[in-house]
Amino acid sequence: MLFSKSIPLGFLLFCLFNQSALGASSLNHFCFSHENYTANSPYDAYLTRLLILLQTKVPPTGFGLASTGQGEKKANGLALCRGDVSSKDCTTCVVDASKDIREFCPNSQGAIIWDLSGPDCKKCLDEAISELPNCCDAKRGGRVVGGSCHVGFELYPIVGT
């Protein structure tokens, strides 16, 4: 998980895959700030602009950082889509995450959505790796895709081809 004390007001929208296509709600969220903002405040306006900026900035490449506002009430954000997610699905994911983050962490100045804790991530990857022999034994490539993580191997580059 990316988090730095230098970005205390950060919003992380981590889209592992297009939840709306599956009709599922977010996998996880965490409201980590004890500071709240009030509706119609400057921070609220900065946050609105930030989420709109991420919705347009992230889908072409699958990753984006953005900041809006100034000073202590600056809103910082990051969004990431899985490498094999289409630009259209990435857009849907970031739009949905932008709505959900406000619903799940109302007025919180710090939140993460669709992110796994370190132990949960390890557990997810361990389970996916344990499935590789069932699907891909003696194969030249294979992939186990889950809702929160995926693992794969190929003879060629997987991302950027």
Protein backbone atom coordinates (compact mmCIF):
# COMPACT_ATOMS: atom_id res chain seq x y z
CA MET A 1 0.00 0.00 0.00
CA LEU A 2 1.30 3.46 -0.83
CA PHE A 3 0.99 5.87 2.04
CA SER A 4 3.25 8.61 3.20
CA LYS A 5 2.97 11.05 6.07
CA SER A 6 3.91 13.71 3.53
CA ILE A 7 0.52 13.10 1.91
CA PRO A 8 -1.78 12.99 4.94
CA LEU A 9 -4.86 13.87 2.94
CA GLY A 10 -4.35 11.29 0.25
CA PHE A 11 -7.02 9.26 -1.41
CA LEU A 12 -5.95 5.97 -2.89
CA LEU A 13 -8.27 4.36 -5.37
CA PHE A 14 -6.86 0.97 -6.09
CA CYS A 15 -8.81 -0.80 -8.83
CA LEU A 16 -7.74 -4.39 -9.08
CA PHE A 17 -10.48 -5.13 -11.47
CA ASN A 18 -13.75 -3.85 -12.75
CA GLN A 19 -16.14 -4.56 -9.91
CA SER A 20 -19.12 -2.96 -11.63
CA ALA A 21 -18.86 -5.43 -14.51
CA LEU A 22 -19.36 -8.20 -11.98
CA GLY A 23 -22.12 -6.39 -10.16
CA ALA A 24 -20.08 -6.52 -6.95
CA SER A 25 -19.43 -3.80 -4.45
CA SER A 26 -15.97 -2.74 -3.40
CA LEU A 27 -13.69 -5.37 -1.96
CA ASN A 28 -12.42 -3.35 0.96
CA HIS A 29 -12.04 0.16 2.25
CA PHE A 30 -10.26 1.86 5.09
CA CYS A 31 -10.87 5.35 6.44
CA PHE A 32 -7.51 6.21 7.98
CA SER A 33 -7.82 9.87 8.88
CA HIS A 34 -9.16 11.14 12.18
CA GLU A 35 -9.63 14.53 10.55
CA ASN A 36 -12.87 15.27 8.77
CA TYR A 37 -13.88 17.98 6.36
CA THR A 38 -17.22 19.75 6.14
CA ALA A 39 -19.52 19.75 3.14
CA ASN A 40 -19.08 22.73 0.82
CA SER A 41 -15.69 23.58 2.37
CA PRO A 42 -12.62 24.39 0.26
CA TYR A 43 -11.32 20.84 0.89
CA ASP A 44 -14.62 19.39 -0.35
CA ALA A 45 -14.20 21.36 -3.58
CA TYR A 46 -10.55 20.24 -3.90
CA LEU A 47 -11.58 16.62 -3.37
CA THR A 48 -14.32 16.85 -5.99
CA ARG A 49 -11.83 18.28 -8.50
CA LEU A 50 -9.27 15.62 -7.57
CA LEU A 51 -11.66 12.73 -8.15
CA ILE A 52 -12.76 14.14 -11.52
CA LEU A 53 -9.10 14.64 -12.49
CA LEU A 54 -8.25 11.04 -11.61
CA GLN A 55 -11.24 9.79 -13.62
CA THR A 56 -9.78 11.37 -16.76
CA LYS A 57 -6.05 11.00 -16.04
CA VAL A 58 -5.86 7.32 -15.03
CA PRO A 59 -7.64 5.25 -17.74
CA PRO A 60 -5.27 5.91 -20.67
CA THR A 61 -2.26 4.46 -18.81
CA GLY A 62 -3.88 2.68 -15.86
CA PHE A 63 -2.07 4.82 -13.30
CA GLY A 64 -2.20 8.40 -12.15
CA LEU A 65 -1.25 10.76 -9.36
CA ALA A 66 -2.94 14.11 -8.86
CA SER A 67 -3.20 16.97 -6.38
CA THR A 68 -5.62 19.86 -6.10
CA GLY A 69 -5.76 22.82 -3.76
CA GLN A 70 -3.06 24.42 -1.68
CA GLY A 71 -1.51 24.27 1.74
CA GLU A 72 -2.57 21.92 4.51
CA LYS A 73 -5.95 21.22 2.91
CA LYS A 74 -4.45 20.05 -0.36
CA ALA A 75 -6.13 16.88 -1.68
CA ASN A 76 -3.77 14.24 -3.06
CA GLY A 77 -4.76 11.06 -4.83
CA LEU A 78 -3.55 8.01 -6.67
CA ALA A 79 -5.47 5.52 -8.77
CA LEU A 80 -4.26 2.28 -10.30
CA CYS A 81 -5.96 -0.22 -12.57
CA ARG A 82 -4.68 -3.72 -13.16
CA GLY A 83 -2.50 -3.97 -16.27
CA ASP A 84 -4.89 -6.15 -18.24
CA VAL A 85 -7.96 -3.97 -17.62
CA SER A 86 -9.22 -2.05 -20.65
CA SER A 87 -9.33 1.74 -20.61
CA LYS A 88 -13.14 1.60 -20.61
CA ASP A 89 -13.25 -0.76 -17.61
CA CYS A 90 -10.59 1.30 -15.83
CA THR A 91 -12.74 4.41 -16.30
CA THR A 92 -15.76 2.60 -14.86
CA CYS A 93 -13.70 1.37 -11.91
CA VAL A 94 -12.26 4.81 -11.06
CA VAL A 95 -15.69 6.47 -11.42
CA ASP A 96 -17.27 3.84 -9.15
CA ALA A 97 -14.41 4.09 -6.64
CA SER A 98 -14.79 7.88 -6.57
CA LYS A 99 -18.46 7.52 -5.65
CA ASP A 100 -17.88 4.69 -3.18
CA ILE A 101 -15.04 6.41 -1.31
CA ARG A 102 -17.37 9.27 -0.42
CA GLU A 103 -20.09 6.84 0.65
CA PHE A 104 -17.89 4.52 2.73
CA CYS A 105 -15.71 7.26 4.28
CA PRO A 106 -17.96 10.32 4.35
CA ASN A 107 -16.09 13.52 5.16
CA SER A 108 -12.87 11.63 5.96
CA GLN A 109 -9.69 13.33 4.79
CA GLY A 110 -7.94 10.02 4.23
CA ALA A 111 -9.24 6.83 2.69
CA ILE A 112 -8.25 3.77 0.69
CA ILE A 113 -10.59 1.66 -1.40
CA TRP A 114 -10.14 -1.74 -3.06
CA ASP A 115 -6.84 -2.28 -1.36
CA LEU A 116 -5.64 -5.29 0.60
CA SER A 117 -3.67 -5.27 3.82
CA GLY A 118 -0.22 -6.83 3.64
CA PRO A 119 -1.30 -10.10 5.29
CA ASP A 120 -4.47 -10.31 3.15
CA CYS A 121 -2.45 -9.67 -0.01
CA LYS A 122 0.02 -12.41 0.93
CA LYS A 123 -2.82 -14.82 1.67
CA CYS A 124 -4.49 -14.02 -1.66
CA LEU A 125 -1.24 -14.52 -3.58
CA ASP A 126 -0.41 -17.73 -1.69
CA GLU A 127 -3.84 -19.13 -2.60
CA ALA A 128 -3.46 -18.10 -6.25
CA ILE A 129 0.03 -19.62 -6.45
CA SER A 130 -1.25 -22.86 -4.93
CA GLU A 131 -3.76 -23.09 -7.81
CA LEU A 132 -1.09 -22.88 -10.54
CA PRO A 133 -0.35 -26.66 -10.54
CA ASN A 134 -4.09 -27.36 -10.98
CA CYS A 135 -4.41 -25.28 -14.12
CA CYS A 136 -0.99 -24.78 -15.53
CA ASP A 137 1.32 -27.69 -14.66
CA ALA A 138 3.82 -28.32 -17.49
CA LYS A 139 2.40 -25.38 -19.45
CA ARG A 140 4.46 -22.57 -20.99
CA GLY A 141 2.21 -19.97 -19.45
CA GLY A 142 -0.70 -19.63 -17.14
CA ARG A 143 -2.70 -17.30 -14.98
CA VAL A 144 -4.86 -17.53 -11.90
CA VAL A 145 -7.10 -14.49 -11.61
CA GLY A 146 -9.01 -13.71 -8.45
CA GLY A 147 -11.10 -10.77 -7.40
CA SER A 148 -8.34 -9.19 -5.34
CA CYS A 149 -5.11 -10.47 -6.84
CA HIS A 150 -3.75 -12.49 -9.68
CA VAL A 151 -0.59 -14.37 -10.48
CA GLY A 152 0.68 -15.55 -13.81
CA PHE A 153 3.67 -16.54 -15.87
CA GLU A 154 4.39 -16.46 -19.59
CA LEU A 155 7.31 -16.86 -21.96
CA TYR A 156 6.79 -13.27 -23.14
CA PRO A 157 6.14 -9.92 -21.39
CA ILE A 158 2.66 -9.92 -19.85
CA VAL A 159 2.07 -6.17 -19.65
CA GLY A 160 2.79 -3.72 -22.43
CA THR A 161 2.48 -6.12 -25.34
